[in-house]
Amino acid sequence: MPCNSVIFGCESEVLSPQESRFFASANPWGFILFARNIADRTQLKRLTDDLRASVGWDAPILIDQEGGRVQRMRAPEWREYLPALDQMQAAGDNAARAMYLRNRLIAEELHEVGIDVNCAPLADVIWPESHPVLRNRCYGDDVDTVVAMCRETVRGFLDGGVLPVLKHIPGYGRAVVDGHKDLPTVDVSRDELEKLDFAPFKQLNDIKMGMTAHIVFPVIDDKPATTSAKAMEMIRKDIGFDGLIMTDDISMEALSGTIADRSKASLDAGCDLVLHCNGEMADMVAVAEMCGPMPPKAQARADAALAQRKTPTEIDISAATRELERLISG
């Protein structure tokens, strides 16, 4: 039986009996974890095991472990990482090698506790007006740099047995408001968007999973890309991205309507999966009622993504850590 078209979070550090029963019936494709779910290695591995047991298969478990501000697993239990842009600036000419090492180390930490999908890299191009919530999470203000750093990030993850999620398709860098609170609108020409904002995603369209941007491009549609059939068609045909597409968090205030309405609109527009993050049971029930089984094409994309899971390559963690520290210390 195919999974249903949804990824869920959970409420706390321990999976409750109610959650376990709900996940068994809702049959989500995967799960996503946040700081509220994380205490230490032993607890986290138990939680990932319990989540998979609730659905009866090796379901993917996601996290946002970019480093910098967006880092759910933190010291003293795990390493702290600079924001990506700050690390690149510190490493200078060694930025590519430093980016690979950073993400290979992150992958090692995730794989150890049963997390096998990381919501990165970011292919959003930085602009002078980019909102501070996004700016130093990104990798650069030109297409070539962004693509090169995304490639190193992906390579580091895959070598560590972790799958990447390309975000935020089709481009979030020009957002001047925080999509967690408001809906960004970017009113520029289609030619300019294709030349700069969309270009990294087109070059990276072989990545097997992607996450949408809650952003409006009036030249394409008056709806947010996540819920716009026109934007999704552009992503599939013009950008050429045929990987598995999940929404950004469906609970973000950039979107309007009930949580069920948002879920339906996203799937109707062409997203493969609804990502629901807050772990609130009433919301999850409403989303589950709206998200039926994954259609065959979406399931095929999901299978292709998960087929990339592999045993991590061997690495000397101590040596890699020392090399990264040396590269970013000048």
C-alpha atoms as a PDB file:
ATOM      1  CA  MET A   1       0.000   0.000   0.000  1.00  0.00           C
ATOM      2  CA  PRO A   2       1.471   3.399  -0.927  1.00  0.00           C
ATOM      3  CA  CYS A   3       2.165   5.945   1.782  1.00  0.00           C
ATOM      4  CA  ASN A   4      -0.012   8.993   2.155  1.00  0.00           C
ATOM      5  CA  SER A   5       1.138  12.349   0.776  1.00  0.00           C
ATOM      6  CA  VAL A   6       2.341  13.895   4.015  1.00  0.00           C
ATOM      7  CA  ILE A   7       5.307  14.322   6.362  1.00  0.00           C
ATOM      8  CA  PHE A   8       4.517  14.892  10.039  1.00  0.00           C
ATOM      9  CA  GLY A   9       6.320  16.175  13.105  1.00  0.00           C
ATOM     10  CA  CYS A  10       5.719  14.980  16.646  1.00  0.00           C
ATOM     11  CA  GLU A  11       5.166  16.855  19.880  1.00  0.00           C
ATOM     12  CA  SER A  12       8.057  16.063  22.201  1.00  0.00           C
ATOM     13  CA  GLU A  13      11.137  13.959  22.919  1.00  0.00           C
ATOM     14  CA  VAL A  14       9.109  10.759  23.348  1.00  0.00           C
ATOM     15  CA  LEU A  15       6.529   9.339  20.966  1.00  0.00           C
ATOM     16  CA  SER A  16       3.227   9.092  22.809  1.00  0.00           C
ATOM     17  CA  PRO A  17       0.888   6.102  22.442  1.00  0.00           C
ATOM     18  CA  GLN A  18      -1.676   8.416  20.826  1.00  0.00           C
ATOM     19  CA  GLU A  19       0.863   9.611  18.264  1.00  0.00           C
ATOM     20  CA  SER A  20       1.988   6.086  17.545  1.00  0.00           C
ATOM     21  CA  ARG A  21      -1.586   4.953  16.879  1.00  0.00           C
ATOM     22  CA  PHE A  22      -2.264   8.027  14.755  1.00  0.00           C
ATOM     23  CA  PHE A  23       0.832   7.552  12.600  1.00  0.00           C
ATOM     24  CA  ALA A  24      -0.014   3.889  12.104  1.00  0.00           C
ATOM     25  CA  SER A  25      -3.395   4.862  10.642  1.00  0.00           C
ATOM     26  CA  ALA A  26      -2.336   8.085   8.870  1.00  0.00           C
ATOM     27  CA  ASN A  27       0.571   6.287   7.151  1.00  0.00           C
ATOM     28  CA  PRO A  28       2.758   9.360   6.431  1.00  0.00           C
ATOM     29  CA  TRP A  29       5.642   9.061   3.992  1.00  0.00           C
ATOM     30  CA  GLY A  30       8.057  10.420   6.592  1.00  0.00           C
ATOM     31  CA  PHE A  31       8.687  12.498   9.689  1.00  0.00           C
ATOM     32  CA  ILE A  32      10.494  15.735  10.558  1.00  0.00           C
ATOM     33  CA  LEU A  33      12.213  16.605  13.839  1.00  0.00           C
ATOM     34  CA  PHE A  34      12.816  19.903  15.645  1.00  0.00           C
ATOM     35  CA  ALA A  35      14.637  21.092  18.750  1.00  0.00           C
ATOM     36  CA  ARG A  36      11.604  20.209  20.861  1.00  0.00           C
ATOM     37  CA  ASN A  37      12.188  16.555  19.948  1.00  0.00           C
ATOM     38  CA  ILE A  38      15.873  16.419  20.849  1.00  0.00           C
ATOM     39  CA  ALA A  39      17.732  15.893  24.132  1.00  0.00           C
ATOM     40  CA  ASP A  40      20.724  13.614  23.547  1.00  0.00           C
ATOM     41  CA  ARG A  41      21.974  10.823  21.300  1.00  0.00           C
ATOM     42  CA  THR A  42      20.351   7.946  23.154  1.00  0.00           C
ATOM     43  CA  GLN A  43      16.952   9.634  23.351  1.00  0.00           C
ATOM     44  CA  LEU A  44      17.059  10.761  19.729  1.00  0.00           C
ATOM     45  CA  LYS A  45      17.961   7.329  18.376  1.00  0.00           C
ATOM     46  CA  ARG A  46      15.126   5.811  20.399  1.00  0.00           C
ATOM     47  CA  LEU A  47      12.703   8.386  18.963  1.00  0.00           C
ATOM     48  CA  THR A  48      13.727   7.748  15.353  1.00  0.00           C
ATOM     49  CA  ASP A  49      13.390   4.008  15.940  1.00  0.00           C
ATOM     50  CA  ASP A  50       9.929   4.483  17.460  1.00  0.00           C
ATOM     51  CA  LEU A  51       8.760   6.706  14.613  1.00  0.00           C
ATOM     52  CA  ARG A  52       9.727   4.083  12.062  1.00  0.00           C
ATOM     53  CA  ALA A  53       8.149   1.319  14.151  1.00  0.00           C
ATOM     54  CA  SER A  54       4.856   3.240  14.183  1.00  0.00           C
ATOM     55  CA  VAL A  55       4.540   2.934  10.393  1.00  0.00           C
ATOM     56  CA  GLY A  56       6.264  -0.424  10.063  1.00  0.00           C
ATOM     57  CA  TRP A  57       9.006   0.444   7.581  1.00  0.00           C
ATOM     58  CA  ASP A  58      12.254   2.360   7.190  1.00  0.00           C
ATOM     59  CA  ALA A  59      10.500   5.674   6.658  1.00  0.00           C
ATOM     60  CA  PRO A  60      12.667   8.749   5.990  1.00  0.00           C
ATOM     61  CA  ILE A  61      13.256  11.072   8.927  1.00  0.00           C
ATOM     62  CA  LEU A  62      14.016  14.696   8.114  1.00  0.00           C
ATOM     63  CA  ILE A  63      15.593  17.589   9.968  1.00  0.00           C
ATOM     64  CA  ASP A  64      16.779  21.145   9.281  1.00  0.00           C
ATOM     65  CA  GLN A  65      20.430  20.941  10.294  1.00  0.00           C
ATOM     66  CA  GLU A  66      21.927  23.679   8.148  1.00  0.00           C
ATOM     67  CA  GLY A  67      24.283  25.024  10.810  1.00  0.00           C
ATOM     68  CA  GLY A  68      24.191  28.532  12.215  1.00  0.00           C
ATOM     69  CA  ARG A  69      20.777  29.686  13.405  1.00  0.00           C
ATOM     70  CA  VAL A  70      18.969  26.778  11.724  1.00  0.00           C
ATOM     71  CA  GLN A  71      20.473  23.911  13.687  1.00  0.00           C
ATOM     72  CA  ARG A  72      18.171  21.657  15.690  1.00  0.00           C
ATOM     73  CA  MET A  73      20.902  19.456  17.232  1.00  0.00           C
ATOM     74  CA  ARG A  74      23.141  21.732  19.291  1.00  0.00           C
ATOM     75  CA  ALA A  75      26.034  21.861  21.747  1.00  0.00           C
ATOM     76  CA  PRO A  76      27.089  20.438  24.078  1.00  0.00           C
ATOM     77  CA  GLU A  77      25.862  17.161  22.574  1.00  0.00           C
ATOM     78  CA  TRP A  78      26.735  18.067  18.979  1.00  0.00           C
ATOM     79  CA  ARG A  79      29.048  20.450  17.147  1.00  0.00           C
ATOM     80  CA  GLU A  80      28.028  24.039  16.495  1.00  0.00           C
ATOM     81  CA  TYR A  81      28.556  25.351  12.973  1.00  0.00           C
ATOM     82  CA  LEU A  82      28.872  28.875  11.627  1.00  0.00           C
ATOM     83  CA  PRO A  83      26.132  30.134   9.318  1.00  0.00           C
ATOM     84  CA  ALA A  84      26.978  28.908   5.840  1.00  0.00           C
ATOM     85  CA  LEU A  85      27.774  32.331   4.391  1.00  0.00           C
ATOM     86  CA  ASP A  86      29.961  33.249   7.367  1.00  0.00           C
ATOM     87  CA  GLN A  87      31.899  29.994   7.014  1.00  0.00           C
ATOM     88  CA  MET A  88      32.423  30.564   3.301  1.00  0.00           C
ATOM     89  CA  GLN A  89      33.763  34.054   3.934  1.00  0.00           C
ATOM     90  CA  ALA A  90      36.089  32.744   6.648  1.00  0.00           C
ATOM     91  CA  ALA A  91      37.390  29.951   4.414  1.00  0.00           C
ATOM     92  CA  GLY A  92      37.976  32.204   1.404  1.00  0.00           C
ATOM     93  CA  ASP A  93      39.550  30.270  -1.462  1.00  0.00           C
ATOM     94  CA  ASN A  94      38.985  27.057   0.516  1.00  0.00           C
ATOM     95  CA  ALA A  95      35.217  27.583   0.761  1.00  0.00           C
ATOM     96  CA  ALA A  96      34.303  24.575  -1.390  1.00  0.00           C
ATOM     97  CA  ARG A  97      36.425  22.136   0.608  1.00  0.00           C
ATOM     98  CA  ALA A  98      35.175  23.615   3.868  1.00  0.00           C
ATOM     99  CA  MET A  99      31.572  23.277   2.707  1.00  0.00           C
ATOM    100  CA  TYR A 100      32.096  19.615   1.857  1.00  0.00           C
ATOM    101  CA  LEU A 101      33.711  18.876   5.232  1.00  0.00           C
ATOM    102  CA  ARG A 102      31.047  20.748   7.182  1.00  0.00           C
ATOM    103  CA  ASN A 103      28.255  18.787   5.567  1.00  0.00           C
ATOM    104  CA  ARG A 104      30.048  15.463   5.710  1.00  0.00           C
ATOM    105  CA  LEU A 105      30.411  15.986   9.482  1.00  0.00           C
ATOM    106  CA  ILE A 106      26.763  17.013   9.795  1.00  0.00           C
ATOM    107  CA  ALA A 107      25.749  13.885   7.897  1.00  0.00           C
ATOM    108  CA  GLU A 108      27.792  11.724  10.243  1.00  0.00           C
ATOM    109  CA  GLU A 109      25.989  13.200  13.243  1.00  0.00           C
ATOM    110  CA  LEU A 110      22.576  12.706  11.664  1.00  0.00           C
ATOM    111  CA  HIS A 111      23.194   9.167  10.467  1.00  0.00           C
ATOM    112  CA  GLU A 112      24.353   8.119  13.932  1.00  0.00           C
ATOM    113  CA  VAL A 113      20.922   8.898  15.428  1.00  0.00           C
ATOM    114  CA  GLY A 114      18.799   7.543  12.586  1.00  0.00           C
ATOM    115  CA  ILE A 115      18.124  10.765  10.645  1.00  0.00           C
ATOM    116  CA  ASP A 116      18.592  10.232   6.921  1.00  0.00           C
ATOM    117  CA  VAL A 117      17.284  13.409   5.223  1.00  0.00           C
ATOM    118  CA  ASN A 118      18.581  16.952   5.765  1.00  0.00           C
ATOM    119  CA  CYS A 119      16.629  19.930   4.421  1.00  0.00           C
ATOM    120  CA  ALA A 120      19.511  21.599   2.605  1.00  0.00           C
ATOM    121  CA  PRO A 121      21.193  22.871   0.442  1.00  0.00           C
ATOM    122  CA  LEU A 122      19.783  26.357  -0.181  1.00  0.00           C
ATOM    123  CA  ALA A 123      19.993  27.486  -3.795  1.00  0.00           C
ATOM    124  CA  ASP A 124      18.426  30.869  -3.037  1.00  0.00           C
ATOM    125  CA  VAL A 125      20.510  33.760  -4.402  1.00  0.00           C
ATOM    126  CA  ILE A 126      21.233  36.521  -1.865  1.00  0.00           C
ATOM    127  CA  TRP A 127      20.141  40.060  -2.641  1.00  0.00           C
ATOM    128  CA  PRO A 128      20.906  43.292  -0.766  1.00  0.00           C
ATOM    129  CA  GLU A 129      17.264  43.325   0.331  1.00  0.00           C
ATOM    130  CA  SER A 130      17.154  39.661   1.451  1.00  0.00           C
ATOM    131  CA  HIS A 131      15.442  39.295   4.811  1.00  0.00           C
ATOM    132  CA  PRO A 132      17.892  38.709   7.709  1.00  0.00           C
ATOM    133  CA  VAL A 133      16.113  35.450   8.585  1.00  0.00           C
ATOM    134  CA  LEU A 134      17.449  34.042   5.328  1.00  0.00           C
ATOM    135  CA  ARG A 135      20.545  36.012   4.385  1.00  0.00           C
ATOM    136  CA  ASN A 136      23.523  34.253   5.999  1.00  0.00           C
ATOM    137  CA  ARG A 137      21.906  30.857   5.588  1.00  0.00           C
ATOM    138  CA  CYS A 138      22.517  31.225   1.840  1.00  0.00           C
ATOM    139  CA  TYR A 139      25.676  30.539  -0.137  1.00  0.00           C
ATOM    140  CA  GLY A 140      26.216  33.579  -2.330  1.00  0.00           C
ATOM    141  CA  ASP A 141      24.976  36.380  -4.556  1.00  0.00           C
ATOM    142  CA  ASP A 142      25.937  34.847  -7.906  1.00  0.00           C
ATOM    143  CA  VAL A 143      24.663  31.732  -9.620  1.00  0.00           C
ATOM    144  CA  ASP A 144      28.007  29.965 -10.111  1.00  0.00           C
ATOM    145  CA  THR A 145      28.998  30.212  -6.437  1.00  0.00           C
ATOM    146  CA  VAL A 146      25.585  29.082  -5.229  1.00  0.00           C
ATOM    147  CA  VAL A 147      25.590  26.057  -7.517  1.00  0.00           C
ATOM    148  CA  ALA A 148      29.154  25.065  -6.599  1.00  0.00           C
ATOM    149  CA  MET A 149      28.456  25.244  -2.852  1.00  0.00           C
ATOM    150  CA  CYS A 150      25.204  23.332  -3.257  1.00  0.00           C
ATOM    151  CA  ARG A 151      27.101  20.574  -5.065  1.00  0.00           C
ATOM    152  CA  GLU A 152      29.629  20.287  -2.223  1.00  0.00           C
ATOM    153  CA  THR A 153      26.800  20.206   0.308  1.00  0.00           C
ATOM    154  CA  VAL A 154      25.032  17.426  -1.572  1.00  0.00           C
ATOM    155  CA  ARG A 155      28.257  15.456  -1.937  1.00  0.00           C
ATOM    156  CA  GLY A 156      28.935  15.709   1.786  1.00  0.00           C
ATOM    157  CA  PHE A 157      25.455  14.530   2.690  1.00  0.00           C
ATOM    158  CA  LEU A 158      25.371  11.608   0.274  1.00  0.00           C
ATOM    159  CA  ASP A 159      28.833  10.428   1.340  1.00  0.00           C
ATOM    160  CA  GLY A 160      27.475  10.405   4.894  1.00  0.00           C
ATOM    161  CA  GLY A 161      24.376   8.385   4.088  1.00  0.00           C
ATOM    162  CA  VAL A 162      22.005  11.368   4.252  1.00  0.00           C
ATOM    163  CA  LEU A 163      19.726  12.624   1.472  1.00  0.00           C
ATOM    164  CA  PRO A 164      19.556  16.322   0.516  1.00  0.00           C
ATOM    165  CA  VAL A 165      16.470  18.463  -0.041  1.00  0.00           C
ATOM    166  CA  LEU A 166      16.979  21.402  -2.408  1.00  0.00           C
ATOM    167  CA  LYS A 167      15.298  24.561  -1.187  1.00  0.00           C
ATOM    168  CA  HIS A 168      13.480  26.865  -1.631  1.00  0.00           C
ATOM    169  CA  ILE A 169      12.168  26.174  -5.160  1.00  0.00           C
ATOM    170  CA  PRO A 170      11.854  28.281  -7.321  1.00  0.00           C
ATOM    171  CA  GLY A 171      13.822  30.885  -5.333  1.00  0.00           C
ATOM    172  CA  TYR A 172      13.323  32.733  -2.048  1.00  0.00           C
ATOM    173  CA  GLY A 173      16.310  35.079  -1.970  1.00  0.00           C
ATOM    174  CA  ARG A 174      14.457  38.277  -2.870  1.00  0.00           C
ATOM    175  CA  ALA A 175      12.017  37.887   0.037  1.00  0.00           C
ATOM    176  CA  VAL A 176      12.032  41.004   2.215  1.00  0.00           C
ATOM    177  CA  VAL A 177       9.638  39.601   4.813  1.00  0.00           C
ATOM    178  CA  ASP A 178       9.841  36.442   6.908  1.00  0.00           C
ATOM    179  CA  GLY A 179       7.646  33.765   5.345  1.00  0.00           C
ATOM    180  CA  HIS A 180       6.985  32.321   8.800  1.00  0.00           C
ATOM    181  CA  LYS A 181       4.944  35.468   9.487  1.00  0.00           C
ATOM    182  CA  ASP A 182       4.011  37.110   6.169  1.00  0.00           C
ATOM    183  CA  LEU A 183       3.714  36.275   2.484  1.00  0.00           C
ATOM    184  CA  PRO A 184       6.617  37.646   0.402  1.00  0.00           C
ATOM    185  CA  THR A 185       5.833  39.063  -3.038  1.00  0.00           C
ATOM    186  CA  VAL A 186       8.547  39.611  -5.650  1.00  0.00           C
ATOM    187  CA  ASP A 187       7.435  41.764  -8.571  1.00  0.00           C
ATOM    188  CA  VAL A 188      10.215  41.518 -11.167  1.00  0.00           C
ATOM    189  CA  SER A 189      10.287  40.424 -14.789  1.00  0.00           C
ATOM    190  CA  ARG A 190      10.251  36.787 -15.882  1.00  0.00           C
ATOM    191  CA  ASP A 191      13.537  37.308 -17.743  1.00  0.00           C
ATOM    192  CA  GLU A 192      15.261  38.528 -14.594  1.00  0.00           C
ATOM    193  CA  LEU A 193      13.894  35.664 -12.528  1.00  0.00           C
ATOM    194  CA  GLU A 194      15.067  33.093 -15.062  1.00  0.00           C
ATOM    195  CA  LYS A 195      18.512  34.660 -15.380  1.00  0.00           C
ATOM    196  CA  LEU A 196      19.222  34.806 -11.641  1.00  0.00           C
ATOM    197  CA  ASP A 197      16.659  33.466  -9.168  1.00  0.00           C
ATOM    198  CA  PHE A 198      15.600  30.331 -11.037  1.00  0.00           C
ATOM    199  CA  ALA A 199      18.986  29.586 -12.627  1.00  0.00           C
ATOM    200  CA  PRO A 200      20.605  27.695  -9.717  1.00  0.00           C
ATOM    201  CA  PHE A 201      17.593  25.414  -9.410  1.00  0.00           C
ATOM    202  CA  LYS A 202      17.717  24.662 -13.115  1.00  0.00           C
ATOM    203  CA  GLN A 203      21.383  23.677 -12.854  1.00  0.00           C
ATOM    204  CA  LEU A 204      20.621  21.553  -9.781  1.00  0.00           C
ATOM    205  CA  ASN A 205      17.484  19.905 -11.150  1.00  0.00           C
ATOM    206  CA  ASP A 206      19.014  16.428 -10.855  1.00  0.00           C
ATOM    207  CA  ILE A 207      18.713  16.521  -7.049  1.00  0.00           C
ATOM    208  CA  LYS A 208      16.030  14.019  -6.079  1.00  0.00           C
ATOM    209  CA  MET A 209      14.073  16.063  -3.507  1.00  0.00           C
ATOM    210  CA  GLY A 210      13.074  19.692  -3.269  1.00  0.00           C
ATOM    211  CA  MET A 211      11.088  22.031  -1.035  1.00  0.00           C
ATOM    212  CA  THR A 212       8.854  24.828  -2.255  1.00  0.00           C
ATOM    213  CA  ALA A 213       9.003  28.524  -1.407  1.00  0.00           C
ATOM    214  CA  HIS A 214       5.938  30.260   0.028  1.00  0.00           C
ATOM    215  CA  ILE A 215       6.411  33.291  -2.229  1.00  0.00           C
ATOM    216  CA  VAL A 216       4.371  35.092  -4.886  1.00  0.00           C
ATOM    217  CA  PHE A 217       5.794  36.020  -8.285  1.00  0.00           C
ATOM    218  CA  PRO A 218       3.019  38.116  -9.878  1.00  0.00           C
ATOM    219  CA  VAL A 219       4.550  37.599 -13.316  1.00  0.00           C
ATOM    220  CA  ILE A 220       3.716  33.904 -12.903  1.00  0.00           C
ATOM    221  CA  ASP A 221       0.633  33.851 -10.655  1.00  0.00           C
ATOM    222  CA  ASP A 222      -1.034  35.733  -7.820  1.00  0.00           C
ATOM    223  CA  LYS A 223      -0.851  32.628  -5.610  1.00  0.00           C
ATOM    224  CA  PRO A 224       2.163  31.484  -3.544  1.00  0.00           C
ATOM    225  CA  ALA A 225       4.359  29.062  -5.492  1.00  0.00           C
ATOM    226  CA  THR A 226       3.445  26.257  -3.072  1.00  0.00           C
ATOM    227  CA  THR A 227      -0.235  26.460  -4.001  1.00  0.00           C
ATOM    228  CA  SER A 228       0.123  27.665  -7.599  1.00  0.00           C
ATOM    229  CA  ALA A 229      -0.413  25.206 -10.433  1.00  0.00           C
ATOM    230  CA  LYS A 230       1.223  27.721 -12.779  1.00  0.00           C
ATOM    231  CA  ALA A 231       4.341  27.940 -10.606  1.00  0.00           C
ATOM    232  CA  MET A 232       4.518  24.179 -10.213  1.00  0.00           C
ATOM    233  CA  GLU A 233       4.220  23.710 -13.979  1.00  0.00           C
ATOM    234  CA  MET A 234       7.060  26.203 -14.438  1.00  0.00           C
ATOM    235  CA  ILE A 235       9.178  24.294 -11.891  1.00  0.00           C
ATOM    236  CA  ARG A 236       8.562  20.988 -13.663  1.00  0.00           C
ATOM    237  CA  LYS A 237       8.856  22.156 -17.273  1.00  0.00           C
ATOM    238  CA  ASP A 238      11.068  25.260 -17.375  1.00  0.00           C
ATOM    239  CA  ILE A 239      13.350  24.587 -14.411  1.00  0.00           C
ATOM    240  CA  GLY A 240      13.166  20.900 -15.274  1.00  0.00           C
ATOM    241  CA  PHE A 241      12.940  19.641 -11.696  1.00  0.00           C
ATOM    242  CA  ASP A 242      11.413  16.157 -11.745  1.00  0.00           C
ATOM    243  CA  GLY A 243      12.331  15.180  -8.194  1.00  0.00           C
ATOM    244  CA  LEU A 244      10.018  14.710  -5.231  1.00  0.00           C
ATOM    245  CA  ILE A 245       8.586  18.087  -4.197  1.00  0.00           C
ATOM    246  CA  MET A 246       7.447  18.737  -0.638  1.00  0.00           C
ATOM    247  CA  THR A 247       5.904  21.962   0.586  1.00  0.00           C
ATOM    248  CA  ASP A 248       7.676  24.184   3.028  1.00  0.00           C
ATOM    249  CA  ASP A 249       5.918  23.968   6.395  1.00  0.00           C
ATOM    250  CA  ILE A 250       2.216  24.193   5.650  1.00  0.00           C
ATOM    251  CA  SER A 251       1.659  25.920   9.023  1.00  0.00           C
ATOM    252  CA  MET A 252       3.663  29.032   8.121  1.00  0.00           C
ATOM    253  CA  GLU A 253       1.661  32.251   8.197  1.00  0.00           C
ATOM    254  CA  ALA A 254       2.668  33.082   4.627  1.00  0.00           C
ATOM    255  CA  LEU A 255      -0.218  30.826   3.594  1.00  0.00           C
ATOM    256  CA  SER A 256      -3.882  31.549   4.188  1.00  0.00           C
ATOM    257  CA  GLY A 257      -6.925  29.374   4.785  1.00  0.00           C
ATOM    258  CA  THR A 258      -7.392  26.430   7.107  1.00  0.00           C
ATOM    259  CA  ILE A 259      -4.634  23.877   7.455  1.00  0.00           C
ATOM    260  CA  ALA A 260      -6.773  21.441   5.460  1.00  0.00           C
ATOM    261  CA  ASP A 261      -7.387  24.015   2.726  1.00  0.00           C
ATOM    262  CA  ARG A 262      -3.669  24.725   2.440  1.00  0.00           C
ATOM    263  CA  SER A 263      -2.894  21.019   2.181  1.00  0.00           C
ATOM    264  CA  LYS A 264      -5.471  20.447  -0.546  1.00  0.00           C
ATOM    265  CA  ALA A 265      -4.336  23.516  -2.491  1.00  0.00           C
ATOM    266  CA  SER A 266      -0.701  22.366  -2.381  1.00  0.00           C
ATOM    267  CA  LEU A 267      -1.480  18.880  -3.660  1.00  0.00           C
ATOM    268  CA  ASP A 268      -3.899  20.208  -6.273  1.00  0.00           C
ATOM    269  CA  ALA A 269      -1.169  22.582  -7.505  1.00  0.00           C
ATOM    270  CA  GLY A 270       1.212  19.679  -8.056  1.00  0.00           C
ATOM    271  CA  CYS A 271       3.245  19.221  -4.872  1.00  0.00           C
ATOM    272  CA  ASP A 272       3.945  15.579  -4.069  1.00  0.00           C
ATOM    273  CA  LEU A 273       3.972  15.904  -0.279  1.00  0.00           C
ATOM    274  CA  VAL A 274       2.570  18.209   2.381  1.00  0.00           C
ATOM    275  CA  LEU A 275       5.077  19.032   5.125  1.00  0.00           C
ATOM    276  CA  HIS A 276       3.382  19.657   8.486  1.00  0.00           C
ATOM    277  CA  CYS A 277       5.803  20.477  11.260  1.00  0.00           C
ATOM    278  CA  ASN A 278       4.234  21.619  14.531  1.00  0.00           C
ATOM    279  CA  GLY A 279       3.180  18.207  15.863  1.00  0.00           C
ATOM    280  CA  GLU A 280      -0.245  19.445  17.025  1.00  0.00           C
ATOM    281  CA  MET A 281      -2.633  16.520  16.906  1.00  0.00           C
ATOM    282  CA  ALA A 282      -5.765  18.414  15.833  1.00  0.00           C
ATOM    283  CA  ASP A 283      -3.883  19.930  12.906  1.00  0.00           C
ATOM    284  CA  MET A 284      -2.370  16.599  11.939  1.00  0.00           C
ATOM    285  CA  VAL A 285      -5.771  14.923  11.903  1.00  0.00           C
ATOM    286  CA  ALA A 286      -7.097  17.647   9.589  1.00  0.00           C
ATOM    287  CA  VAL A 287      -4.100  17.329   7.274  1.00  0.00           C
ATOM    288  CA  ALA A 288      -4.284  13.532   7.240  1.00  0.00           C
ATOM    289  CA  GLU A 289      -7.939  13.642   6.197  1.00  0.00           C
ATOM    290  CA  MET A 290      -6.952  15.757   3.188  1.00  0.00           C
ATOM    291  CA  CYS A 291      -3.796  13.878   2.108  1.00  0.00           C
ATOM    292  CA  GLY A 292      -4.607  10.573   0.473  1.00  0.00           C
ATOM    293  CA  PRO A 293      -2.234   7.985  -0.996  1.00  0.00           C
ATOM    294  CA  MET A 294       0.650   9.263  -3.102  1.00  0.00           C
ATOM    295  CA  PRO A 295      -0.174   9.045  -6.822  1.00  0.00           C
ATOM    296  CA  PRO A 296       2.010   6.631  -8.824  1.00  0.00           C
ATOM    297  CA  LYS A 297       4.218   9.391 -10.261  1.00  0.00           C
ATOM    298  CA  ALA A 298       4.844  10.887  -6.815  1.00  0.00           C
ATOM    299  CA  GLN A 299       5.543   7.446  -5.362  1.00  0.00           C
ATOM    300  CA  ALA A 300       8.046   6.782  -8.157  1.00  0.00           C
ATOM    301  CA  ARG A 301       9.830  10.048  -7.356  1.00  0.00           C
ATOM    302  CA  ALA A 302       9.882   9.104  -3.670  1.00  0.00           C
ATOM    303  CA  ASP A 303      11.305   5.678  -4.465  1.00  0.00           C
ATOM    304  CA  ALA A 304      14.016   7.226  -6.648  1.00  0.00           C
ATOM    305  CA  ALA A 305      14.992   9.572  -3.839  1.00  0.00           C
ATOM    306  CA  LEU A 306      15.188   6.838  -1.219  1.00  0.00           C
ATOM    307  CA  ALA A 307      17.188   4.623  -3.572  1.00  0.00           C
ATOM    308  CA  GLN A 308      20.099   7.015  -2.943  1.00  0.00           C
ATOM    309  CA  ARG A 309      20.358   5.959   0.693  1.00  0.00           C
ATOM    310  CA  LYS A 310      23.637   4.166   1.247  1.00  0.00           C
ATOM    311  CA  THR A 311      26.138   3.156   3.895  1.00  0.00           C
ATOM    312  CA  PRO A 312      28.378   6.145   4.665  1.00  0.00           C
ATOM    313  CA  THR A 313      31.843   6.205   3.177  1.00  0.00           C
ATOM    314  CA  GLU A 314      34.691   5.833   5.645  1.00  0.00           C
ATOM    315  CA  ILE A 315      35.982   9.045   7.196  1.00  0.00           C
ATOM    316  CA  ASP A 316      38.380  10.017   9.965  1.00  0.00           C
ATOM    317  CA  ILE A 317      36.089  12.332  11.917  1.00  0.00           C
ATOM    318  CA  SER A 318      38.868  13.805  14.045  1.00  0.00           C
ATOM    319  CA  ALA A 319      40.992  14.587  11.000  1.00  0.00           C
ATOM    320  CA  ALA A 320      38.036  16.068   9.117  1.00  0.00           C
ATOM    321  CA  THR A 321      37.154  18.244  12.099  1.00  0.00           C
ATOM    322  CA  ARG A 322      40.712  19.512  12.417  1.00  0.00           C
ATOM    323  CA  GLU A 323      40.887  20.262   8.706  1.00  0.00           C
ATOM    324  CA  LEU A 324      37.623  22.200   8.770  1.00  0.00           C
ATOM    325  CA  GLU A 325      38.752  24.228  11.776  1.00  0.00           C
ATOM    326  CA  ARG A 326      42.029  25.000  10.052  1.00  0.00           C
ATOM    327  CA  LEU A 327      40.319  26.113   6.841  1.00  0.00           C
ATOM    328  CA  ILE A 328      37.963  28.530   8.591  1.00  0.00           C
ATOM    329  CA  SER A 329      40.522  29.915  11.004  1.00  0.00           C
ATOM    330  CA  GLY A 330      42.490  31.555   8.210  1.00  0.00           C
END
